[in-house]
C-alpha atoms as a PDB file:
ATOM      1  CA  UNK A   1      29.565  46.513  42.665  1.00  0.00           C
ATOM      2  CA  UNK A   2      29.350  49.256  40.036  1.00  0.00           C
ATOM      3  CA  UNK A   3      31.614  48.950  37.024  1.00  0.00           C
ATOM      4  CA  UNK A   4      32.457  52.301  35.369  1.00  0.00           C
ATOM      5  CA  UNK A   5      32.482  50.617  31.960  1.00  0.00           C
ATOM      6  CA  UNK A   6      28.919  49.318  32.379  1.00  0.00           C
ATOM      7  CA  UNK A   7      27.377  51.935  34.633  1.00  0.00           C
ATOM      8  CA  UNK A   8      24.395  53.603  33.009  1.00  0.00           C
ATOM      9  CA  UNK A   9      24.328  51.348  29.936  1.00  0.00           C
ATOM     10  CA  UNK A  10      20.937  50.080  28.792  1.00  0.00           C
ATOM     11  CA  UNK A  11      21.335  46.330  28.379  1.00  0.00           C
ATOM     12  CA  UNK A  12      18.542  44.137  26.975  1.00  0.00           C
ATOM     13  CA  UNK A  13      18.702  40.375  27.505  1.00  0.00           C
ATOM     14  CA  UNK A  14      16.467  37.951  25.604  1.00  0.00           C
ATOM     15  CA  UNK A  15      15.385  34.762  27.362  1.00  0.00           C
ATOM     16  CA  UNK A  16      16.234  36.508  30.619  1.00  0.00           C
ATOM     17  CA  UNK A  17      13.710  35.021  33.025  1.00  0.00           C
ATOM     18  CA  UNK A  18      15.924  32.107  34.074  1.00  0.00           C
ATOM     19  CA  UNK A  19      19.210  30.304  33.527  1.00  0.00           C
ATOM     20  CA  UNK A  20      22.055  32.070  31.735  1.00  0.00           C
ATOM     21  CA  UNK A  21      19.929  35.100  30.860  1.00  0.00           C
ATOM     22  CA  UNK A  22      18.986  35.678  34.472  1.00  0.00           C
ATOM     23  CA  UNK A  23      22.621  35.583  35.580  1.00  0.00           C
ATOM     24  CA  UNK A  24      23.667  37.988  32.835  1.00  0.00           C
ATOM     25  CA  UNK A  25      20.895  40.371  33.882  1.00  0.00           C
ATOM     26  CA  UNK A  26      21.790  40.092  37.551  1.00  0.00           C
ATOM     27  CA  UNK A  27      25.500  40.719  37.046  1.00  0.00           C
ATOM     28  CA  UNK A  28      24.829  43.609  34.658  1.00  0.00           C
ATOM     29  CA  UNK A  29      22.496  45.243  37.177  1.00  0.00           C
ATOM     30  CA  UNK A  30      25.092  44.799  39.947  1.00  0.00           C
ATOM     31  CA  UNK A  31      27.561  46.577  37.681  1.00  0.00           C
ATOM     32  CA  UNK A  32      25.313  49.616  37.408  1.00  0.00           C
ATOM     33  CA  UNK A  33      23.588  48.954  34.080  1.00  0.00           C
ATOM     34  CA  UNK A  34      19.904  49.562  33.419  1.00  0.00           C
ATOM     35  CA  UNK A  35      18.641  46.117  32.482  1.00  0.00           C
ATOM     36  CA  UNK A  36      15.627  44.939  30.500  1.00  0.00           C
ATOM     37  CA  UNK A  37      14.843  41.245  30.299  1.00  0.00           C
ATOM     38  CA  UNK A  38      12.525  39.854  27.687  1.00  0.00           C
ATOM     39  CA  UNK A  39      11.043  36.366  27.773  1.00  0.00           C
ATOM     40  CA  UNK A  40       8.093  34.548  26.258  1.00  0.00           C
ATOM     41  CA  UNK A  41       7.264  33.760  29.884  1.00  0.00           C
ATOM     42  CA  UNK A  42       6.212  37.351  30.528  1.00  0.00           C
ATOM     43  CA  UNK A  43       5.146  36.680  34.109  1.00  0.00           C
ATOM     44  CA  UNK A  44       8.479  34.991  34.769  1.00  0.00           C
ATOM     45  CA  UNK A  45      10.364  37.942  33.280  1.00  0.00           C
ATOM     46  CA  UNK A  46       8.523  40.408  35.485  1.00  0.00           C
ATOM     47  CA  UNK A  47       8.953  38.207  38.566  1.00  0.00           C
ATOM     48  CA  UNK A  48      12.687  37.905  37.932  1.00  0.00           C
ATOM     49  CA  UNK A  49      12.999  41.663  37.446  1.00  0.00           C
ATOM     50  CA  UNK A  50      11.105  42.318  40.672  1.00  0.00           C
ATOM     51  CA  UNK A  51      13.202  39.767  42.569  1.00  0.00           C
ATOM     52  CA  UNK A  52      16.556  41.077  41.332  1.00  0.00           C
ATOM     53  CA  UNK A  53      15.554  44.709  41.731  1.00  0.00           C
ATOM     54  CA  UNK A  54      17.981  47.488  40.840  1.00  0.00           C
ATOM     55  CA  UNK A  55      15.460  49.126  38.533  1.00  0.00           C
ATOM     56  CA  UNK A  56      15.408  46.059  36.269  1.00  0.00           C
ATOM     57  CA  UNK A  57      12.356  45.722  33.999  1.00  0.00           C
ATOM     58  CA  UNK A  58      10.712  42.560  32.700  1.00  0.00           C
ATOM     59  CA  UNK A  59       8.845  42.362  29.393  1.00  0.00           C
ATOM     60  CA  UNK A  60       7.011  39.903  27.195  1.00  0.00           C
ATOM     61  CA  UNK A  61       9.153  38.856  24.225  1.00  0.00           C
ATOM     62  CA  UNK A  62       8.733  36.110  21.671  1.00  0.00           C
ATOM     63  CA  UNK A  63      11.859  36.260  19.497  1.00  0.00           C
ATOM     64  CA  UNK A  64      10.076  34.275  16.775  1.00  0.00           C
ATOM     65  CA  UNK A  65       7.469  37.016  16.310  1.00  0.00           C
ATOM     66  CA  UNK A  66       8.294  40.319  14.584  1.00  0.00           C
ATOM     67  CA  UNK A  67       5.524  42.321  16.255  1.00  0.00           C
ATOM     68  CA  UNK A  68       6.473  41.012  19.688  1.00  0.00           C
ATOM     69  CA  UNK A  69      10.121  41.971  19.133  1.00  0.00           C
ATOM     70  CA  UNK A  70       9.196  45.429  17.866  1.00  0.00           C
ATOM     71  CA  UNK A  71       6.947  45.999  20.877  1.00  0.00           C
ATOM     72  CA  UNK A  72       9.729  44.868  23.226  1.00  0.00           C
ATOM     73  CA  UNK A  73      12.226  47.299  21.712  1.00  0.00           C
ATOM     74  CA  UNK A  74       9.787  50.211  21.787  1.00  0.00           C
ATOM     75  CA  UNK A  75       8.865  49.526  25.410  1.00  0.00           C
ATOM     76  CA  UNK A  76      12.487  49.248  26.537  1.00  0.00           C
ATOM     77  CA  UNK A  77      13.439  52.438  24.709  1.00  0.00           C
ATOM     78  CA  UNK A  78      10.502  54.318  26.200  1.00  0.00           C
ATOM     79  CA  UNK A  79      11.190  53.075  29.735  1.00  0.00           C
ATOM     80  CA  UNK A  80      14.993  52.990  29.901  1.00  0.00           C
ATOM     81  CA  UNK A  81      16.330  54.720  26.814  1.00  0.00           C
ATOM     82  CA  UNK A  82      18.039  53.503  23.614  1.00  0.00           C
ATOM     83  CA  UNK A  83      19.581  50.047  23.913  1.00  0.00           C
ATOM     84  CA  UNK A  84      23.362  50.139  24.206  1.00  0.00           C
ATOM     85  CA  UNK A  85      23.861  46.366  24.423  1.00  0.00           C
ATOM     86  CA  UNK A  86      21.587  43.605  23.152  1.00  0.00           C
ATOM     87  CA  UNK A  87      22.327  40.123  24.467  1.00  0.00           C
ATOM     88  CA  UNK A  88      20.808  37.447  22.227  1.00  0.00           C
ATOM     89  CA  UNK A  89      20.445  34.709  24.811  1.00  0.00           C
ATOM     90  CA  UNK A  90      17.142  32.973  24.033  1.00  0.00           C
ATOM     91  CA  UNK A  91      17.691  29.434  22.780  1.00  0.00           C
ATOM     92  CA  UNK A  92      16.208  25.927  22.756  1.00  0.00           C
ATOM     93  CA  UNK A  93      17.689  22.457  22.220  1.00  0.00           C
ATOM     94  CA  UNK A  94      16.379  19.000  21.384  1.00  0.00           C
ATOM     95  CA  UNK A  95      18.719  16.068  22.029  1.00  0.00           C
ATOM     96  CA  UNK A  96      18.527  12.577  20.554  1.00  0.00           C
ATOM     97  CA  UNK A  97      19.159  10.530  17.402  1.00  0.00           C
ATOM     98  CA  UNK A  98      18.739  12.573  14.213  1.00  0.00           C
ATOM     99  CA  UNK A  99      16.124  10.219  12.802  1.00  0.00           C
ATOM    100  CA  UNK A 100      13.975  10.452  15.927  1.00  0.00           C
ATOM    101  CA  UNK A 101      13.953  14.243  16.075  1.00  0.00           C
ATOM    102  CA  UNK A 102      10.401  15.591  15.624  1.00  0.00           C
ATOM    103  CA  UNK A 103       9.977  18.074  12.801  1.00  0.00           C
ATOM    104  CA  UNK A 104       8.381  20.462  15.277  1.00  0.00           C
ATOM    105  CA  UNK A 105      11.567  20.430  17.374  1.00  0.00           C
ATOM    106  CA  UNK A 106      13.783  21.098  14.347  1.00  0.00           C
ATOM    107  CA  UNK A 107      11.622  24.029  13.293  1.00  0.00           C
ATOM    108  CA  UNK A 108      11.590  25.455  16.820  1.00  0.00           C
ATOM    109  CA  UNK A 109      15.377  25.352  17.106  1.00  0.00           C
ATOM    110  CA  UNK A 110      15.848  27.250  13.867  1.00  0.00           C
ATOM    111  CA  UNK A 111      13.019  29.675  14.640  1.00  0.00           C
ATOM    112  CA  UNK A 112      14.502  30.620  18.017  1.00  0.00           C
ATOM    113  CA  UNK A 113      18.244  29.985  17.689  1.00  0.00           C
ATOM    114  CA  UNK A 114      18.742  31.329  14.182  1.00  0.00           C
ATOM    115  CA  UNK A 115      15.813  33.466  13.048  1.00  0.00           C
ATOM    116  CA  UNK A 116      15.393  34.957  16.528  1.00  0.00           C
ATOM    117  CA  UNK A 117      19.006  36.142  16.475  1.00  0.00           C
ATOM    118  CA  UNK A 118      18.718  37.425  12.914  1.00  0.00           C
ATOM    119  CA  UNK A 119      15.508  39.271  13.781  1.00  0.00           C
ATOM    120  CA  UNK A 120      17.045  40.919  16.827  1.00  0.00           C
ATOM    121  CA  UNK A 121      20.124  42.084  14.952  1.00  0.00           C
ATOM    122  CA  UNK A 122      18.125  43.298  11.959  1.00  0.00           C
ATOM    123  CA  UNK A 123      15.878  45.367  14.229  1.00  0.00           C
ATOM    124  CA  UNK A 124      18.493  46.671  16.667  1.00  0.00           C
ATOM    125  CA  UNK A 125      21.723  47.136  14.701  1.00  0.00           C
ATOM    126  CA  UNK A 126      20.400  49.896  12.376  1.00  0.00           C
ATOM    127  CA  UNK A 127      19.299  51.926  15.412  1.00  0.00           C
ATOM    128  CA  UNK A 128      22.748  51.535  16.922  1.00  0.00           C
ATOM    129  CA  UNK A 129      24.420  52.441  13.637  1.00  0.00           C
ATOM    130  CA  UNK A 130      22.379  55.635  13.429  1.00  0.00           C
ATOM    131  CA  UNK A 131      23.595  56.593  16.914  1.00  0.00           C
ATOM    132  CA  UNK A 132      27.179  55.718  16.020  1.00  0.00           C
ATOM    133  CA  UNK A 133      27.668  52.841  18.448  1.00  0.00           C
ATOM    134  CA  UNK A 134      26.396  49.855  20.366  1.00  0.00           C
ATOM    135  CA  UNK A 135      27.136  46.195  20.939  1.00  0.00           C
ATOM    136  CA  UNK A 136      25.282  42.981  20.143  1.00  0.00           C
ATOM    137  CA  UNK A 137      26.383  39.875  22.012  1.00  0.00           C
ATOM    138  CA  UNK A 138      25.038  36.476  21.025  1.00  0.00           C
ATOM    139  CA  UNK A 139      25.185  33.459  23.314  1.00  0.00           C
ATOM    140  CA  UNK A 140      25.974  30.840  20.707  1.00  0.00           C
ATOM    141  CA  UNK A 141      27.599  27.563  21.784  1.00  0.00           C
ATOM    142  CA  UNK A 142      30.716  25.461  21.430  1.00  0.00           C
ATOM    143  CA  UNK A 143      28.361  23.608  19.065  1.00  0.00           C
ATOM    144  CA  UNK A 144      29.048  26.512  16.674  1.00  0.00           C
ATOM    145  CA  UNK A 145      32.444  24.867  16.153  1.00  0.00           C
ATOM    146  CA  UNK A 146      31.758  21.173  16.806  1.00  0.00           C
ATOM    147  CA  UNK A 147      28.741  18.926  16.311  1.00  0.00           C
ATOM    148  CA  UNK A 148      28.095  16.415  19.100  1.00  0.00           C
ATOM    149  CA  UNK A 149      26.179  13.298  18.074  1.00  0.00           C
ATOM    150  CA  UNK A 150      22.624  13.735  19.289  1.00  0.00           C
ATOM    151  CA  UNK A 151      22.741  17.508  18.789  1.00  0.00           C
ATOM    152  CA  UNK A 152      23.012  17.619  15.000  1.00  0.00           C
ATOM    153  CA  UNK A 153      20.217  20.130  14.328  1.00  0.00           C
ATOM    154  CA  UNK A 154      21.124  22.200  17.370  1.00  0.00           C
ATOM    155  CA  UNK A 155      24.739  22.350  16.174  1.00  0.00           C
ATOM    156  CA  UNK A 156      23.539  23.263  12.680  1.00  0.00           C
ATOM    157  CA  UNK A 157      21.552  26.162  14.140  1.00  0.00           C
ATOM    158  CA  UNK A 158      24.594  27.394  16.068  1.00  0.00           C
ATOM    159  CA  UNK A 159      26.893  27.013  13.046  1.00  0.00           C
ATOM    160  CA  UNK A 160      24.365  29.131  11.136  1.00  0.00           C
ATOM    161  CA  UNK A 161      24.388  31.793  13.834  1.00  0.00           C
ATOM    162  CA  UNK A 162      28.185  32.083  13.829  1.00  0.00           C
ATOM    163  CA  UNK A 163      28.185  32.328  10.042  1.00  0.00           C
ATOM    164  CA  UNK A 164      25.570  35.075  10.153  1.00  0.00           C
ATOM    165  CA  UNK A 165      27.464  37.008  12.805  1.00  0.00           C
ATOM    166  CA  UNK A 166      30.673  36.756  10.788  1.00  0.00           C
ATOM    167  CA  UNK A 167      29.048  38.328   7.740  1.00  0.00           C
ATOM    168  CA  UNK A 168      27.138  41.034   9.618  1.00  0.00           C
ATOM    169  CA  UNK A 169      30.265  41.968  11.569  1.00  0.00           C
ATOM    170  CA  UNK A 170      31.994  42.829   8.298  1.00  0.00           C
ATOM    171  CA  UNK A 171      28.975  44.799   7.072  1.00  0.00           C
ATOM    172  CA  UNK A 172      29.045  46.862  10.270  1.00  0.00           C
ATOM    173  CA  UNK A 173      32.815  47.409  10.261  1.00  0.00           C
ATOM    174  CA  UNK A 174      33.565  51.071  10.945  1.00  0.00           C
ATOM    175  CA  UNK A 175      30.014  51.848  12.073  1.00  0.00           C
ATOM    176  CA  UNK A 176      30.726  51.733  15.809  1.00  0.00           C
ATOM    177  CA  UNK A 177      28.452  48.696  16.241  1.00  0.00           C
ATOM    178  CA  UNK A 178      30.341  45.766  17.749  1.00  0.00           C
ATOM    179  CA  UNK A 179      29.344  42.133  17.161  1.00  0.00           C
ATOM    180  CA  UNK A 180      30.420  39.516  19.716  1.00  0.00           C
ATOM    181  CA  UNK A 181      29.757  35.797  20.157  1.00  0.00           C
ATOM    182  CA  UNK A 182      30.098  33.742  23.333  1.00  0.00           C
ATOM    183  CA  UNK A 183      30.627  30.013  22.750  1.00  0.00           C
ATOM    184  CA  UNK A 184      30.211  28.058  26.000  1.00  0.00           C
ATOM    185  CA  UNK A 185      30.370  24.316  26.453  1.00  0.00           C
ATOM    186  CA  UNK A 186      27.686  22.538  28.477  1.00  0.00           C
ATOM    187  CA  UNK A 187      26.139  24.868  31.056  1.00  0.00           C
ATOM    188  CA  UNK A 188      24.234  23.761  34.133  1.00  0.00           C
ATOM    189  CA  UNK A 189      20.787  24.952  33.011  1.00  0.00           C
ATOM    190  CA  UNK A 190      17.485  23.334  32.171  1.00  0.00           C
ATOM    191  CA  UNK A 191      18.328  23.475  28.447  1.00  0.00           C
ATOM    192  CA  UNK A 192      21.274  21.116  29.015  1.00  0.00           C
ATOM    193  CA  UNK A 193      19.608  18.948  31.645  1.00  0.00           C
ATOM    194  CA  UNK A 194      20.472  15.273  31.252  1.00  0.00           C
ATOM    195  CA  UNK A 195      23.319  15.843  28.786  1.00  0.00           C
ATOM    196  CA  UNK A 196      26.981  14.889  29.117  1.00  0.00           C
ATOM    197  CA  UNK A 197      29.899  17.340  29.159  1.00  0.00           C
ATOM    198  CA  UNK A 198      32.574  15.228  27.492  1.00  0.00           C
ATOM    199  CA  UNK A 199      36.135  16.082  28.509  1.00  0.00           C
ATOM    200  CA  UNK A 200      35.211  19.619  29.589  1.00  0.00           C
ATOM    201  CA  UNK A 201      33.866  20.565  33.009  1.00  0.00           C
ATOM    202  CA  UNK A 202      30.234  21.522  33.537  1.00  0.00           C
ATOM    203  CA  UNK A 203      29.951  25.300  33.397  1.00  0.00           C
ATOM    204  CA  UNK A 204      27.716  27.485  35.562  1.00  0.00           C
ATOM    205  CA  UNK A 205      25.512  30.328  34.285  1.00  0.00           C
ATOM    206  CA  UNK A 206      27.831  32.679  36.192  1.00  0.00           C
ATOM    207  CA  UNK A 207      30.739  31.532  33.997  1.00  0.00           C
ATOM    208  CA  UNK A 208      28.854  32.732  30.925  1.00  0.00           C
ATOM    209  CA  UNK A 209      27.691  35.943  32.597  1.00  0.00           C
ATOM    210  CA  UNK A 210      31.292  36.708  33.581  1.00  0.00           C
ATOM    211  CA  UNK A 211      32.328  36.312  29.949  1.00  0.00           C
ATOM    212  CA  UNK A 212      29.534  38.591  28.738  1.00  0.00           C
ATOM    213  CA  UNK A 213      30.494  41.385  31.128  1.00  0.00           C
ATOM    214  CA  UNK A 214      34.157  40.972  30.180  1.00  0.00           C
ATOM    215  CA  UNK A 215      33.271  41.309  26.487  1.00  0.00           C
ATOM    216  CA  UNK A 216      31.200  44.431  27.140  1.00  0.00           C
ATOM    217  CA  UNK A 217      34.164  45.975  28.962  1.00  0.00           C
ATOM    218  CA  UNK A 218      36.715  44.784  26.390  1.00  0.00           C
ATOM    219  CA  UNK A 219      35.011  43.805  23.109  1.00  0.00           C
ATOM    220  CA  UNK A 220      36.188  40.866  21.032  1.00  0.00           C
ATOM    221  CA  UNK A 221      34.457  38.827  18.348  1.00  0.00           C
ATOM    222  CA  UNK A 222      34.588  35.224  19.613  1.00  0.00           C
ATOM    223  CA  UNK A 223      35.009  34.016  23.196  1.00  0.00           C
ATOM    224  CA  UNK A 224      35.023  30.279  23.911  1.00  0.00           C
ATOM    225  CA  UNK A 225      34.377  28.855  27.370  1.00  0.00           C
ATOM    226  CA  UNK A 226      36.556  27.091  28.450  1.00  0.00           C
ATOM    227  CA  UNK A 227      39.138  29.225  26.634  1.00  0.00           C
ATOM    228  CA  UNK A 228      41.076  26.223  25.297  1.00  0.00           C
ATOM    229  CA  UNK A 229      38.162  25.098  23.120  1.00  0.00           C
ATOM    230  CA  UNK A 230      38.897  27.611  20.358  1.00  0.00           C
ATOM    231  CA  UNK A 231      42.588  26.718  19.950  1.00  0.00           C
ATOM    232  CA  UNK A 232      41.805  23.002  20.253  1.00  0.00           C
ATOM    233  CA  UNK A 233      39.272  23.113  17.437  1.00  0.00           C
ATOM    234  CA  UNK A 234      41.640  25.195  15.308  1.00  0.00           C
ATOM    235  CA  UNK A 235      44.485  22.701  15.778  1.00  0.00           C
ATOM    236  CA  UNK A 236      42.158  19.749  15.150  1.00  0.00           C
ATOM    237  CA  UNK A 237      41.148  21.336  11.853  1.00  0.00           C
ATOM    238  CA  UNK A 238      44.745  21.032  10.656  1.00  0.00           C
ATOM    239  CA  UNK A 239      44.957  17.298  11.333  1.00  0.00           C
ATOM    240  CA  UNK A 240      44.191  14.488   8.879  1.00  0.00           C
ATOM    241  CA  UNK A 241      40.557  13.431   9.108  1.00  0.00           C
ATOM    242  CA  UNK A 242      41.288  10.217  10.982  1.00  0.00           C
ATOM    243  CA  UNK A 243      43.258  11.972  13.719  1.00  0.00           C
ATOM    244  CA  UNK A 244      40.706  14.771  13.860  1.00  0.00           C
ATOM    245  CA  UNK A 245      37.887  12.271  14.366  1.00  0.00           C
ATOM    246  CA  UNK A 246      39.852  10.474  17.096  1.00  0.00           C
ATOM    247  CA  UNK A 247      40.537  13.719  18.976  1.00  0.00           C
ATOM    248  CA  UNK A 248      36.961  14.965  18.707  1.00  0.00           C
ATOM    249  CA  UNK A 249      35.567  11.644  19.915  1.00  0.00           C
ATOM    250  CA  UNK A 250      37.764  11.935  23.000  1.00  0.00           C
ATOM    251  CA  UNK A 251      36.725  15.528  23.709  1.00  0.00           C
ATOM    252  CA  UNK A 252      33.142  15.915  22.466  1.00  0.00           C
ATOM    253  CA  UNK A 253      30.297  14.064  24.218  1.00  0.00           C
ATOM    254  CA  UNK A 254      28.170  11.571  22.301  1.00  0.00           C
ATOM    255  CA  UNK A 255      24.705  12.630  23.442  1.00  0.00           C
ATOM    256  CA  UNK A 256      23.019   9.726  21.663  1.00  0.00           C
ATOM    257  CA  UNK A 257      24.815   7.379  24.050  1.00  0.00           C
ATOM    258  CA  UNK A 258      25.038   9.612  27.110  1.00  0.00           C
ATOM    259  CA  UNK A 259      22.012  11.907  27.324  1.00  0.00           C
ATOM    260  CA  UNK A 260      19.075  10.939  29.507  1.00  0.00           C
ATOM    261  CA  UNK A 261      15.810  11.161  27.591  1.00  0.00           C
ATOM    262  CA  UNK A 262      13.857  10.785  30.833  1.00  0.00           C
ATOM    263  CA  UNK A 263      15.583  13.789  32.420  1.00  0.00           C
ATOM    264  CA  UNK A 264      14.989  15.908  29.315  1.00  0.00           C
ATOM    265  CA  UNK A 265      11.370  14.947  28.679  1.00  0.00           C
ATOM    266  CA  UNK A 266       9.661  17.759  30.591  1.00  0.00           C
ATOM    267  CA  UNK A 267      11.937  20.487  29.212  1.00  0.00           C
ATOM    268  CA  UNK A 268      11.629  19.315  25.614  1.00  0.00           C
ATOM    269  CA  UNK A 269       7.858  19.059  25.842  1.00  0.00           C
ATOM    270  CA  UNK A 270       7.529  22.563  27.277  1.00  0.00           C
ATOM    271  CA  UNK A 271      10.218  24.338  25.218  1.00  0.00           C
ATOM    272  CA  UNK A 272       9.816  22.502  21.933  1.00  0.00           C
ATOM    273  CA  UNK A 273       6.386  20.937  22.094  1.00  0.00           C
ATOM    274  CA  UNK A 274       7.921  17.505  21.518  1.00  0.00           C
END
């Protein structure tokens, strides 16, 4: 169903061939937006665009490569027009004990989760600023606020992203360019396959897509899913360290103890080469 607040917007979604990105693209297209999905699986991006229809376009995009990102932006602009909303969705995650994490996996997480976001914002935000408006939404993670055991490097990458967004948001204040971050808990996607959710429920990609569309319609800086995560972390930060640790251990999953390495093996080999 068309949404007057999204109708006609050009929305680009990175990592859009599957999972959360696909659902964001699908819901945006249903709302009347012109949607471009970029993915390093170029064939998958084009297949998803063809399947979802609605004039959606699929493109090759490697967020770790400057030339690939530039080519993606030029192609989208030529085909659909200037990008009104960029959704930084592409991300990867390795799970396991910190001292067993392959160096290749650590480098991949920072290359995609941090440098990929920085690259996208550095390339897109100036164009938006010149036009006097636009929005950049980054799918970060509740791991931007907490650090589950077994996800130490992943959490570090997401903490870095939130820090970067906080600084850039201030630099863009008054420019018309809006910076937003979505911080979901564990989402039922291949990236999170075999991991535990802790005290929170398992989210669906639609839950995240709903939040993205809500933030486009009514911008805000940080949105946590579930909504109570933000206040909970804020309150925990006021407690003495012992009480804070106790609360976090009750709420945050220990992926060293709970995650299934067997279930994650295929994803980690394909996404991280490890």
